[in-house]
Amino acid sequence: MDEANQIKPGSLSRETSRAAGVRAGNTHGDLGGGVVEDVREMGTELIGAVRDGATSFLEEQRHRAAKEIAALGGALRQSARSLDQTSLSGIRPYADEAASEIEQFASRLRSRPLNMMADDVEDFARRWPAASC
């Protein structure tokens, strides 16, 4: 191959920049500014898409969790009703109250914004420490 036609390390990027009308090392030329703006816009769109996807995923998981938690509350309520038929009927009011709290938590989980959920979880754990074990 002829030495004049060989590409030397680093020469391609400088020649390409000069051919495009942008001085080597200058990324703020007329064309460079447009490219930077395009990349910035693409980055913003990508971040928005990731945020939307993550929000959608979290919403789906939140509703699934609320459904499961409500089922737990319902099961506890059924167990509390069966306690009336045993010698442990004195426990029923506590089991009913716990079932109500669990069901209310499931309802709040469905309806409250995610940023407020941490407070609800802490409040529930304080009122029902045995449930958080």
Protein backbone atom coordinates (compact mmCIF):
# COMPACT_ATOMS: atom_id res chain seq x y z
CA MET A 1 0.00 0.00 0.00
CA ASP A 2 1.28 3.50 -0.84
CA GLU A 3 2.44 5.45 2.25
CA ALA A 4 0.54 8.56 1.12
CA ASN A 5 -2.76 6.63 1.29
CA GLN A 6 -2.16 5.07 4.72
CA ILE A 7 -4.10 6.41 7.68
CA LYS A 8 -1.89 7.61 10.48
CA PRO A 9 -3.07 7.37 14.11
CA GLY A 10 -5.05 10.45 15.06
CA SER A 11 -5.13 11.88 11.54
CA LEU A 12 -8.59 10.68 10.63
CA SER A 13 -10.39 12.59 13.36
CA ARG A 14 -8.48 15.81 12.62
CA GLU A 15 -9.09 15.53 8.88
CA THR A 16 -12.77 14.71 9.41
CA SER A 17 -13.16 17.73 11.69
CA ARG A 18 -11.47 20.01 9.16
CA ALA A 19 -13.55 18.61 6.34
CA ALA A 20 -16.70 19.33 8.31
CA GLY A 21 -15.63 22.93 8.74
CA VAL A 22 -14.84 22.66 12.43
CA ARG A 23 -11.31 23.40 13.62
CA ALA A 24 -9.66 20.43 15.37
CA GLY A 25 -10.18 20.62 19.15
CA ASN A 26 -13.07 23.08 18.83
CA THR A 27 -16.36 21.42 19.77
CA HIS A 28 -18.26 24.71 19.96
CA GLY A 29 -18.17 25.53 16.23
CA ASP A 30 -21.31 25.97 14.18
CA LEU A 31 -21.79 22.25 13.59
CA GLY A 32 -20.52 21.22 17.03
CA GLY A 33 -23.15 23.29 18.84
CA GLY A 34 -25.93 21.58 16.92
CA VAL A 35 -24.52 18.16 17.69
CA VAL A 36 -24.17 18.99 21.37
CA GLU A 37 -27.76 20.23 21.45
CA ASP A 38 -28.98 17.08 19.65
CA VAL A 39 -27.12 14.85 22.12
CA ARG A 40 -28.49 16.86 25.05
CA GLU A 41 -32.04 16.51 23.68
CA MET A 42 -31.57 12.76 23.13
CA GLY A 43 -30.29 12.41 26.70
CA THR A 44 -33.29 14.28 28.06
CA GLU A 45 -35.66 12.06 26.08
CA LEU A 46 -33.85 8.93 27.26
CA ILE A 47 -34.03 10.02 30.89
CA GLY A 48 -37.74 10.76 30.47
CA ALA A 49 -38.37 7.34 28.94
CA VAL A 50 -36.47 5.58 31.74
CA ARG A 51 -38.35 7.60 34.36
CA ASP A 52 -41.71 6.78 32.77
CA GLY A 53 -40.83 3.09 32.56
CA ALA A 54 -39.68 2.96 36.16
CA THR A 55 -42.79 4.80 37.35
CA SER A 56 -45.03 2.43 35.43
CA PHE A 57 -43.21 -0.59 36.86
CA LEU A 58 -43.46 0.76 40.41
CA GLU A 59 -47.17 1.49 39.98
CA GLU A 60 -47.83 -2.06 38.79
CA GLN A 61 -45.86 -3.50 41.70
CA ARG A 62 -47.62 -1.21 44.15
CA HIS A 63 -51.06 -2.35 43.00
CA ARG A 64 -49.98 -6.00 43.08
CA ALA A 65 -48.63 -5.57 46.61
CA ALA A 66 -51.83 -3.81 47.72
CA LYS A 67 -53.89 -6.72 46.42
CA GLU A 68 -51.75 -9.25 48.30
CA ILE A 69 -51.81 -7.20 51.52
CA ALA A 70 -55.59 -6.84 51.33
CA ALA A 71 -55.85 -10.63 50.93
CA LEU A 72 -53.72 -11.03 54.08
CA GLY A 73 -56.08 -8.73 55.96
CA GLY A 74 -59.06 -10.73 54.73
CA ALA A 75 -57.46 -14.00 55.82
CA LEU A 76 -56.74 -12.56 59.26
CA ARG A 77 -60.36 -11.38 59.54
CA GLN A 78 -61.60 -14.88 58.64
CA SER A 79 -59.29 -16.36 61.27
CA ALA A 80 -60.62 -13.87 63.83
CA ARG A 81 -64.19 -15.01 63.11
CA SER A 82 -63.24 -18.63 63.64
CA LEU A 83 -61.77 -17.70 67.05
CA ASP A 84 -65.33 -17.13 68.32
CA GLN A 85 -65.87 -20.87 68.06
CA THR A 86 -62.86 -21.71 70.23
CA SER A 87 -61.66 -20.97 73.71
CA LEU A 88 -59.55 -18.14 72.24
CA SER A 89 -62.51 -15.81 71.59
CA GLY A 90 -60.87 -13.08 73.70
CA ILE A 91 -58.25 -12.66 70.98
CA ARG A 92 -60.81 -11.84 68.29
CA PRO A 93 -61.00 -8.06 68.94
CA TYR A 94 -57.23 -7.79 68.53
CA ALA A 95 -57.24 -9.90 65.38
CA ASP A 96 -60.12 -7.84 63.97
CA GLU A 97 -58.27 -4.62 64.71
CA ALA A 98 -55.09 -5.94 63.08
CA ALA A 99 -57.10 -7.05 60.02
CA SER A 100 -58.65 -3.57 59.77
CA GLU A 101 -55.24 -1.92 59.96
CA ILE A 102 -53.84 -4.22 57.28
CA GLU A 103 -56.82 -3.56 54.99
CA GLN A 104 -56.53 0.20 55.53
CA PHE A 105 -52.83 0.01 54.71
CA ALA A 106 -53.64 -1.84 51.47
CA SER A 107 -56.13 0.88 50.58
CA ARG A 108 -53.59 3.62 51.25
CA LEU A 109 -51.01 1.71 49.23
CA ARG A 110 -53.37 1.80 46.25
CA SER A 111 -54.21 5.47 46.55
CA ARG A 112 -51.26 7.35 48.08
CA PRO A 113 -48.25 8.67 46.19
CA LEU A 114 -45.09 6.62 46.58
CA ASN A 115 -43.24 9.37 48.44
CA MET A 116 -45.81 9.24 51.25
CA MET A 117 -45.68 5.46 51.60
CA ALA A 118 -42.54 5.37 53.76
CA ASP A 119 -44.38 7.26 56.52
CA ASP A 120 -47.25 4.77 56.38
CA VAL A 121 -44.91 1.80 56.65
CA GLU A 122 -43.15 3.31 59.67
CA ASP A 123 -46.48 4.12 61.32
CA PHE A 124 -47.77 0.58 60.80
CA ALA A 125 -44.55 -0.93 62.19
CA ARG A 126 -44.80 1.27 65.29
CA ARG A 127 -48.42 0.29 65.95
CA TRP A 128 -47.94 -3.41 65.11
CA PRO A 129 -44.36 -4.36 65.94
CA ALA A 130 -45.17 -8.08 65.82
CA ALA A 131 -46.18 -7.74 62.15
CA SER A 132 -42.75 -6.40 61.20
CA CYS A 133 -40.81 -9.36 62.62
